[in-house]
Protein backbone atom coordinates (compact mmCIF):
# COMPACT_ATOMS: atom_id res chain seq x y z
CA MET A 1 -24.45 -52.85 10.37
CA LEU A 2 -23.07 -49.77 12.46
CA GLY A 3 -24.53 -49.77 16.37
CA LYS A 4 -25.92 -47.24 18.55
CA ARG A 5 -22.99 -45.68 19.58
CA GLU A 6 -21.02 -45.77 16.90
CA LEU A 7 -23.98 -43.99 14.60
CA ASN A 8 -23.36 -41.42 17.99
CA MET A 9 -19.69 -41.27 17.00
CA LEU A 10 -20.00 -40.54 13.20
CA LEU A 11 -22.64 -37.89 13.95
CA ARG A 12 -20.96 -35.78 16.97
CA LEU A 13 -17.63 -36.36 14.36
CA PHE A 14 -19.60 -34.59 11.28
CA LEU A 15 -21.07 -32.82 13.61
CA VAL A 16 -17.19 -31.24 14.72
CA LEU A 17 -16.44 -31.42 11.03
CA SER A 18 -18.88 -29.17 10.03
CA ILE A 19 -18.53 -26.66 12.58
CA LEU A 20 -14.62 -26.96 11.34
CA LEU A 21 -15.74 -26.38 7.47
CA ALA A 22 -18.26 -23.87 8.56
CA GLY A 23 -15.57 -21.20 10.32
CA TYR A 24 -13.22 -21.83 7.95
CA PHE A 25 -15.16 -20.20 5.01
CA LEU A 26 -16.72 -17.63 7.48
CA VAL A 27 -13.22 -16.57 8.17
CA LYS A 28 -12.01 -16.54 4.90
CA TRP A 29 -14.81 -15.46 3.69
CA THR A 30 -15.67 -12.65 5.91
CA LEU A 31 -12.86 -11.39 7.38
CA LEU A 32 -12.21 -8.62 4.46
CA TYR A 33 -15.34 -7.05 5.42
CA LEU A 34 -14.82 -7.08 9.20
CA TYR A 35 -11.50 -7.34 9.96
CA PRO A 36 -11.89 -3.38 10.96
CA PHE A 37 -14.44 -4.50 14.14
CA VAL A 38 -11.68 -7.68 14.99
CA ILE A 39 -8.83 -5.35 14.96
CA ALA A 40 -11.37 -3.10 17.69
CA CYS A 41 -12.15 -6.51 19.79
CA PHE A 42 -8.29 -7.16 20.05
CA LEU A 43 -7.94 -3.34 21.22
CA ALA A 44 -10.83 -3.42 23.37
CA ALA A 45 -9.48 -6.75 25.11
CA MET A 46 -6.38 -5.02 25.86
CA LEU A 47 -7.31 -1.90 27.32
CA ASN A 48 -10.07 -3.25 29.03
CA PRO A 49 -8.66 -4.65 32.27
CA LEU A 50 -7.02 -0.92 32.53
CA VAL A 51 -10.41 1.31 32.10
CA THR A 52 -12.57 -1.60 34.23
CA PHE A 53 -9.92 -0.68 37.12
CA ILE A 54 -10.03 3.20 36.64
CA GLU A 55 -13.40 2.30 36.98
CA GLN A 56 -13.65 0.99 39.70
CA LYS A 57 -11.22 3.07 42.24
CA THR A 58 -12.83 6.04 40.70
CA PRO A 59 -15.89 8.01 40.01
CA VAL A 60 -15.21 8.20 36.50
CA PRO A 61 -17.58 6.92 34.38
CA ARG A 62 -16.96 4.46 32.07
CA GLY A 63 -17.42 6.28 28.85
CA VAL A 64 -15.54 8.66 29.97
CA ALA A 65 -12.36 6.50 31.04
CA ALA A 66 -12.28 4.52 28.08
CA ALA A 67 -12.03 7.59 26.18
CA ALA A 68 -9.17 8.60 28.47
CA VAL A 69 -7.53 5.13 27.82
CA MET A 70 -7.52 5.58 24.55
CA CYS A 71 -6.52 8.80 23.84
CA THR A 72 -3.64 8.68 25.92
CA ALA A 73 -2.94 5.45 24.06
CA LEU A 74 -2.91 6.74 21.01
CA LEU A 75 -0.62 10.25 22.01
CA LEU A 76 1.70 7.83 23.17
CA THR A 77 2.01 5.81 20.08
CA PHE A 78 1.98 9.55 18.08
CA ALA A 79 4.74 10.61 20.12
CA GLY A 80 6.93 7.20 19.29
CA LEU A 81 6.36 7.14 16.04
CA PHE A 82 6.69 10.90 15.78
CA PHE A 83 10.45 10.53 18.12
CA LEU A 84 10.94 7.40 15.07
CA ALA A 85 10.18 9.44 12.12
CA GLY A 86 12.53 12.37 13.67
CA GLU A 87 14.92 10.02 12.94
CA LEU A 88 14.68 8.70 9.81
CA PHE A 89 13.88 11.56 8.58
CA GLN A 90 17.69 12.86 9.31
CA GLY A 91 18.62 9.49 8.24
CA THR A 92 17.43 9.63 4.88
CA ALA A 93 18.04 13.00 4.37
CA TYR A 94 21.93 11.83 4.88
CA LEU A 95 20.94 9.31 2.48
CA ALA A 96 19.66 11.44 -0.03
CA ARG A 97 23.61 13.47 0.25
CA LYS A 98 25.43 10.14 0.33
CA LEU A 99 23.63 7.90 -2.10
CA PRO A 100 23.69 9.42 -5.04
CA GLU A 101 27.87 9.49 -4.46
CA HIS A 102 27.64 5.92 -3.50
CA MET A 103 25.39 5.21 -7.01
CA THR A 104 28.48 6.15 -9.16
CA ALA A 105 31.07 5.00 -6.99
CA PHE A 106 28.90 1.70 -7.30
CA ALA A 107 28.68 1.52 -11.42
CA GLY A 108 32.34 2.46 -11.98
CA TYR A 109 33.79 -0.63 -10.03
CA LEU A 110 30.66 -2.36 -11.98
CA GLN A 111 32.09 -1.02 -15.32
CA GLU A 112 36.10 -1.87 -14.19
CA TRP A 113 33.97 -6.25 -13.14
CA ILE A 114 32.70 -6.17 -16.84
CA LYS A 115 36.26 -4.97 -18.45
CA THR A 116 38.13 -7.22 -16.40
CA PHE A 117 35.80 -9.94 -16.68
CA LEU A 118 33.21 -9.50 -19.12
CA VAL A 119 35.20 -8.76 -21.74
CA GLN A 120 37.24 -11.84 -21.64
CA ILE A 121 34.47 -14.04 -21.76
CA TYR A 122 32.70 -12.19 -25.00
CA ASP A 123 35.84 -12.87 -26.29
CA LYS A 124 35.84 -16.64 -25.86
CA ILE A 125 32.60 -16.40 -26.94
CA LEU A 126 33.09 -14.47 -30.14
CA SER A 127 35.47 -17.25 -31.18
CA LEU A 128 33.47 -20.21 -30.63
CA PHE A 129 31.09 -18.29 -31.89
CA ASN A 130 33.53 -17.86 -35.28
CA GLY A 131 34.13 -21.42 -35.39
CA LEU A 132 30.59 -22.10 -35.80
CA ASN A 133 28.90 -22.51 -39.52
CA VAL A 134 26.33 -20.75 -41.53
CA THR A 135 22.95 -22.57 -40.20
CA GLN A 136 24.28 -22.88 -36.09
CA LYS A 137 25.19 -19.51 -36.41
CA GLU A 138 21.71 -18.48 -37.76
CA ALA A 139 20.37 -20.08 -35.31
CA VAL A 140 21.58 -18.55 -32.98
CA LEU A 141 20.92 -15.38 -34.00
CA GLU A 142 17.41 -16.12 -34.36
CA GLN A 143 17.78 -17.06 -30.10
CA ILE A 144 19.40 -13.98 -29.30
CA ASP A 145 16.26 -11.99 -30.97
CA HIS A 146 14.15 -13.89 -29.86
CA LEU A 147 15.30 -13.53 -25.87
CA LEU A 148 15.57 -9.74 -26.97
CA VAL A 149 11.97 -9.54 -27.81
CA GLN A 150 10.75 -11.66 -25.21
CA ALA A 151 12.63 -9.36 -22.52
CA SER A 152 11.72 -6.39 -24.23
CA GLY A 153 8.34 -7.04 -24.09
CA ALA A 154 8.32 -8.57 -20.20
CA GLY A 155 9.96 -5.16 -19.69
CA SER A 156 7.39 -3.18 -20.86
CA ALA A 157 4.64 -4.86 -18.53
CA LEU A 158 6.10 -4.19 -16.18
CA ILE A 159 6.56 -0.62 -16.15
CA GLN A 160 2.55 -0.76 -17.49
CA ASN A 161 1.91 -2.66 -14.79
CA LEU A 162 3.80 -0.14 -12.34
CA LEU A 163 2.14 2.94 -14.01
CA MET A 164 -1.28 1.32 -14.00
CA HIS A 165 -1.18 0.55 -9.95
CA ILE A 166 -0.60 3.88 -8.98
CA PRO A 167 -3.66 5.03 -8.73
CA SER A 168 -4.90 2.24 -6.76
CA LEU A 169 -2.06 3.09 -4.37
CA LEU A 170 -3.01 6.97 -4.14
CA SER A 171 -6.62 5.66 -3.02
CA ILE A 172 -5.24 4.11 0.04
CA PHE A 173 -4.58 6.86 1.82
CA PRO A 174 -8.18 8.44 2.17
CA LEU A 175 -9.30 4.37 2.76
CA SER A 176 -6.19 4.08 5.23
CA MET A 177 -8.24 7.61 7.20
CA THR A 178 -11.74 5.98 7.24
CA LEU A 179 -9.73 2.79 8.55
CA VAL A 180 -8.64 4.20 11.15
CA VAL A 181 -11.52 6.68 12.18
CA LEU A 182 -13.77 3.03 12.09
CA ILE A 183 -11.26 1.01 14.29
CA PHE A 184 -11.13 3.84 17.04
CA LEU A 185 -14.86 4.53 17.25
CA ALA A 186 -15.63 0.26 17.10
CA THR A 187 -13.15 0.26 19.60
CA PHE A 188 -14.33 2.83 21.84
CA PHE A 189 -18.35 1.58 21.67
CA MET A 190 -17.14 -1.92 22.57
CA THR A 191 -14.70 -1.14 25.04
CA ASN A 192 -17.32 1.08 27.01
CA ASP A 193 -20.30 -1.90 26.15
CA TRP A 194 -17.87 -4.91 27.15
CA PRO A 195 -19.31 -5.70 30.63
CA ALA A 196 -22.82 -6.09 28.86
CA PHE A 197 -21.35 -8.25 26.27
CA SER A 198 -20.19 -10.21 28.92
CA GLN A 199 -22.59 -10.53 30.85
CA LEU A 200 -24.97 -11.60 28.05
CA TRP A 201 -22.51 -14.22 27.57
CA LYS A 202 -22.81 -15.63 30.86
CA ASP A 203 -26.69 -15.65 30.89
CA SER A 204 -26.92 -17.40 27.65
CA ALA A 205 -24.02 -20.06 27.18
CA PRO A 206 -23.91 -23.68 28.48
CA GLY A 207 -21.81 -23.83 31.45
CA ARG A 208 -19.30 -26.77 30.34
CA ILE A 209 -18.51 -23.40 26.90
CA LYS A 210 -18.63 -20.54 29.86
CA SER A 211 -16.02 -22.30 31.82
CA SER A 212 -13.93 -23.36 28.81
CA SER A 213 -14.43 -20.09 26.84
CA LEU A 214 -13.44 -17.87 29.62
CA ARG A 215 -10.39 -20.49 30.64
CA LEU A 216 -9.85 -20.30 26.71
CA TRP A 217 -10.02 -16.98 26.36
CA GLN A 218 -8.03 -16.26 29.59
CA THR A 219 -5.24 -18.87 27.83
CA PHE A 220 -5.33 -16.72 24.76
CA ILE A 221 -4.81 -13.21 25.90
CA GLU A 222 -1.15 -14.66 28.01
CA THR A 223 -0.20 -16.43 25.33
CA LEU A 224 -0.50 -12.97 22.92
CA ILE A 225 1.06 -11.14 25.64
CA GLY A 226 3.90 -13.30 25.45
CA TRP A 227 4.62 -13.25 21.37
CA LEU A 228 4.93 -10.11 22.37
CA LYS A 229 7.40 -10.00 24.97
CA ALA A 230 9.09 -12.36 22.23
CA GLN A 231 9.02 -10.05 19.46
CA VAL A 232 9.86 -6.76 21.49
CA ILE A 233 13.16 -9.02 23.35
CA LEU A 234 14.13 -10.45 19.72
CA VAL A 235 13.56 -6.53 18.35
CA PHE A 236 15.10 -4.79 21.13
CA PHE A 237 18.08 -7.93 21.46
CA SER A 238 18.68 -6.77 16.97
CA THR A 239 18.52 -3.23 17.32
CA LEU A 240 20.83 -3.42 20.17
CA THR A 241 23.50 -5.32 18.81
CA ILE A 242 23.61 -3.85 15.42
CA TYR A 243 23.95 -0.76 17.42
CA ILE A 244 26.71 -1.36 18.60
CA GLY A 245 28.54 -2.78 15.95
CA LEU A 246 27.61 -0.15 13.56
CA LEU A 247 28.84 2.60 16.98
CA LEU A 248 32.11 0.53 16.77
CA LEU A 249 32.75 0.16 12.69
CA GLN A 250 31.59 4.67 13.19
CA VAL A 251 28.80 3.93 11.04
CA GLU A 252 26.99 7.82 10.46
CA HIS A 253 23.43 7.87 11.94
CA ALA A 254 23.45 4.30 13.14
CA LEU A 255 20.32 4.55 15.47
CA THR A 256 17.84 4.73 12.19
CA ILE A 257 20.06 1.87 10.15
CA ALA A 258 19.92 -0.43 13.19
CA VAL A 259 16.43 0.08 14.08
CA LEU A 260 15.20 0.34 10.25
CA ILE A 261 16.96 -3.12 10.01
CA ALA A 262 15.72 -4.33 13.14
CA LEU A 263 11.71 -3.61 11.29
CA VAL A 264 12.55 -5.17 8.54
CA ASP A 265 13.13 -8.27 10.50
CA LEU A 266 10.45 -8.51 11.86
CA VAL A 267 9.07 -9.21 8.73
CA PRO A 268 9.13 -13.54 8.28
CA LEU A 269 11.07 -15.38 6.41
CA VAL A 270 13.17 -12.29 5.36
CA GLY A 271 15.27 -11.52 8.48
CA THR A 272 18.77 -9.03 8.52
CA GLY A 273 20.03 -10.45 5.51
CA ILE A 274 18.31 -8.51 3.19
CA VAL A 275 19.52 -5.34 3.82
CA PHE A 276 23.18 -6.82 5.27
CA ILE A 277 24.42 -8.77 2.30
CA PRO A 278 23.21 -6.53 -0.58
CA TRP A 279 25.79 -4.11 1.79
CA ILE A 280 28.52 -5.88 2.03
CA PHE A 281 28.95 -6.83 -1.55
CA TYR A 282 29.02 -3.13 -1.88
CA LEU A 283 31.98 -2.52 0.10
CA PHE A 284 33.62 -5.64 -0.59
CA MET A 285 32.88 -3.98 -4.28
CA SER A 286 34.55 -0.91 -3.88
CA GLY A 287 37.39 -2.14 -1.63
CA GLN A 288 36.27 -1.79 1.97
CA TYR A 289 37.77 -4.77 3.02
CA THR A 290 38.13 -3.46 6.90
CA MET A 291 34.13 -2.65 6.93
CA THR A 292 33.64 -5.44 4.82
CA ILE A 293 35.19 -7.72 7.32
CA GLY A 294 33.62 -5.96 10.13
CA LEU A 295 29.90 -5.61 8.91
CA SER A 296 30.21 -9.64 8.02
CA ILE A 297 31.11 -9.82 11.62
CA LEU A 298 28.45 -8.01 13.06
CA TYR A 299 25.75 -9.73 10.05
CA MET A 300 26.90 -13.78 11.48
CA SER A 301 26.83 -12.41 15.40
CA ILE A 302 23.01 -11.12 14.21
CA VAL A 303 22.62 -14.76 12.65
CA ILE A 304 23.89 -16.78 15.42
CA GLY A 305 23.11 -15.48 18.23
CA ARG A 306 20.07 -14.90 17.12
CA GLN A 307 19.44 -18.44 16.11
CA PHE A 308 20.22 -18.73 20.16
CA ALA A 309 18.25 -17.07 21.56
CA GLU A 310 14.68 -16.84 19.46
CA PRO A 311 13.61 -20.73 19.90
CA LYS A 312 14.43 -20.13 23.72
CA ILE A 313 12.59 -17.04 23.61
CA LEU A 314 9.58 -18.34 21.20
CA SER A 315 9.47 -21.80 23.06
CA SER A 316 9.27 -19.63 26.76
CA HIS A 317 7.12 -17.47 25.88
CA ILE A 318 4.42 -18.85 23.94
CA GLY A 319 5.37 -22.38 24.58
CA VAL A 320 5.56 -23.23 20.88
CA ASN A 321 8.99 -25.66 19.02
CA PRO A 322 10.72 -23.45 16.11
CA LEU A 323 10.08 -26.66 13.29
CA ILE A 324 6.31 -26.14 14.13
CA ALA A 325 6.05 -22.46 13.97
CA LEU A 326 9.06 -23.35 10.86
CA ILE A 327 6.01 -25.76 9.23
CA GLY A 328 3.38 -23.14 10.30
CA LEU A 329 4.68 -19.92 8.15
CA PHE A 330 4.83 -22.42 5.02
CA ILE A 331 1.62 -23.47 5.36
CA GLY A 332 0.50 -19.86 6.03
CA PHE A 333 2.32 -18.83 3.17
CA ARG A 334 1.17 -21.79 0.79
CA LEU A 335 -2.58 -21.08 1.53
CA PHE A 336 -3.58 -17.15 1.99
CA GLY A 337 -0.17 -16.46 0.40
CA PHE A 338 2.43 -13.40 1.69
CA TRP A 339 0.20 -12.17 3.96
CA GLY A 340 0.03 -15.72 5.06
CA LEU A 341 3.46 -14.96 6.77
CA PHE A 342 1.69 -12.49 8.75
CA LEU A 343 -1.76 -14.61 10.02
CA THR A 344 0.75 -17.50 10.22
CA PRO A 345 1.43 -16.54 14.03
CA PHE A 346 -1.66 -15.45 15.28
CA MET A 347 -2.95 -19.03 14.03
CA LEU A 348 0.20 -20.65 15.94
CA ILE A 349 -0.94 -18.77 18.95
CA ILE A 350 -4.78 -20.34 19.10
CA PHE A 351 -3.02 -24.00 18.72
CA SER A 352 -1.25 -23.23 21.23
CA THR A 353 -4.09 -22.24 23.45
CA PHE A 354 -6.08 -25.32 21.85
CA VAL A 355 -3.04 -27.37 23.51
CA LYS A 356 -2.63 -25.89 26.90
CA THR A 357 -6.18 -25.17 27.44
CA GLY A 358 -7.09 -29.03 26.36
CA VAL A 359 -9.52 -28.76 23.79
CA PHE A 360 -8.77 -31.15 21.63
CA ARG A 361 -8.88 -33.49 24.87
CA SER A 362 -12.64 -32.29 25.28
CA VAL A 363 -13.33 -32.43 21.24
CA GLY A 364 -12.08 -35.80 21.02
CA GLN A 365 -14.06 -37.09 24.44
CA PHE A 366 -17.06 -35.16 22.62
CA ILE A 367 -16.94 -37.23 19.57
CA LEU A 368 -15.91 -40.59 21.72
CA ASP A 369 -18.47 -40.59 24.66
CA GLU A 370 -21.87 -39.86 24.42
CA ASN A 371 -22.48 -39.37 27.86
CA TYR A 372 -20.62 -35.93 27.59
CA HIS A 373 -22.86 -32.69 27.35
CA LEU A 374 -21.42 -28.97 26.87
CA ARG A 375 -23.74 -28.56 30.17
């Protein structure tokens, strides 16, 4: 029979597991509807120190300071996007002029390759087919017809799905504008009322939870800023390396291409290879062997450089082992699909914050020690 101490341990363990389970379903079911306010809360937390500084050092009211800081941040963001859009416009205009020539050339190289290699394979298959008896020939032809029907059906279904998704894609634009306005307004109100929210939390939260939550929030912000710094450093490293390499290879619009490839590199598990490998393959097929070698060296330099730099940068700014990060990406992908690749870094930041602040140790003490109280 269980004693009083063991029963208290089981009850506390059940309480912790219930809170975790409720938190999981709360996040899973409500994040779909509340994510604009979650984004606004993070933005307000980032802007609050500057708004508080302006409020304390100047006679400007907090609401005016919040509006001024938000408008300044918005203008800087739009200025950066305007500069990037101008550079991308020039680059895409260049690609629009040059891409048809490259596609025509690639089609010619592919046709030549088909004539050289596939025709020989076709002749061998034809000789093997002619050596079959009538029954075997009928079976082969029946399988070919079946495969063609399946391929035709799959192609029709793909085109139908693409056409059916066009209206939903077009409807995203007005919804996106509504979300931007909603996030902007929510950020303003949260930033303006941040002291009131903080005071409400100080007055109502238990003492131990109050001190722990403050330390937890500060550590989370520090870890989040560290992760953002790490991403900026990695993107800057990739952009600079690609830009210098493309300049040495005398590629036109090197800056536009470098920025685009670096942005693609931000997507987890994708990397720069999704751009470099087809590009290198095309150059090899078109007989531009000098450019192929140069681009291959550039690609290997980026991959090797990131392999050496990324673990050190991430571990120094976040404190997460790269192997744990890779395992987390896989688990996030299995749980949340494609979006899990983007949610996993934030889950790793939260995990690292819990480790740094001793949350897991405190939970263990709460379960095992019946004298452990929240106040």
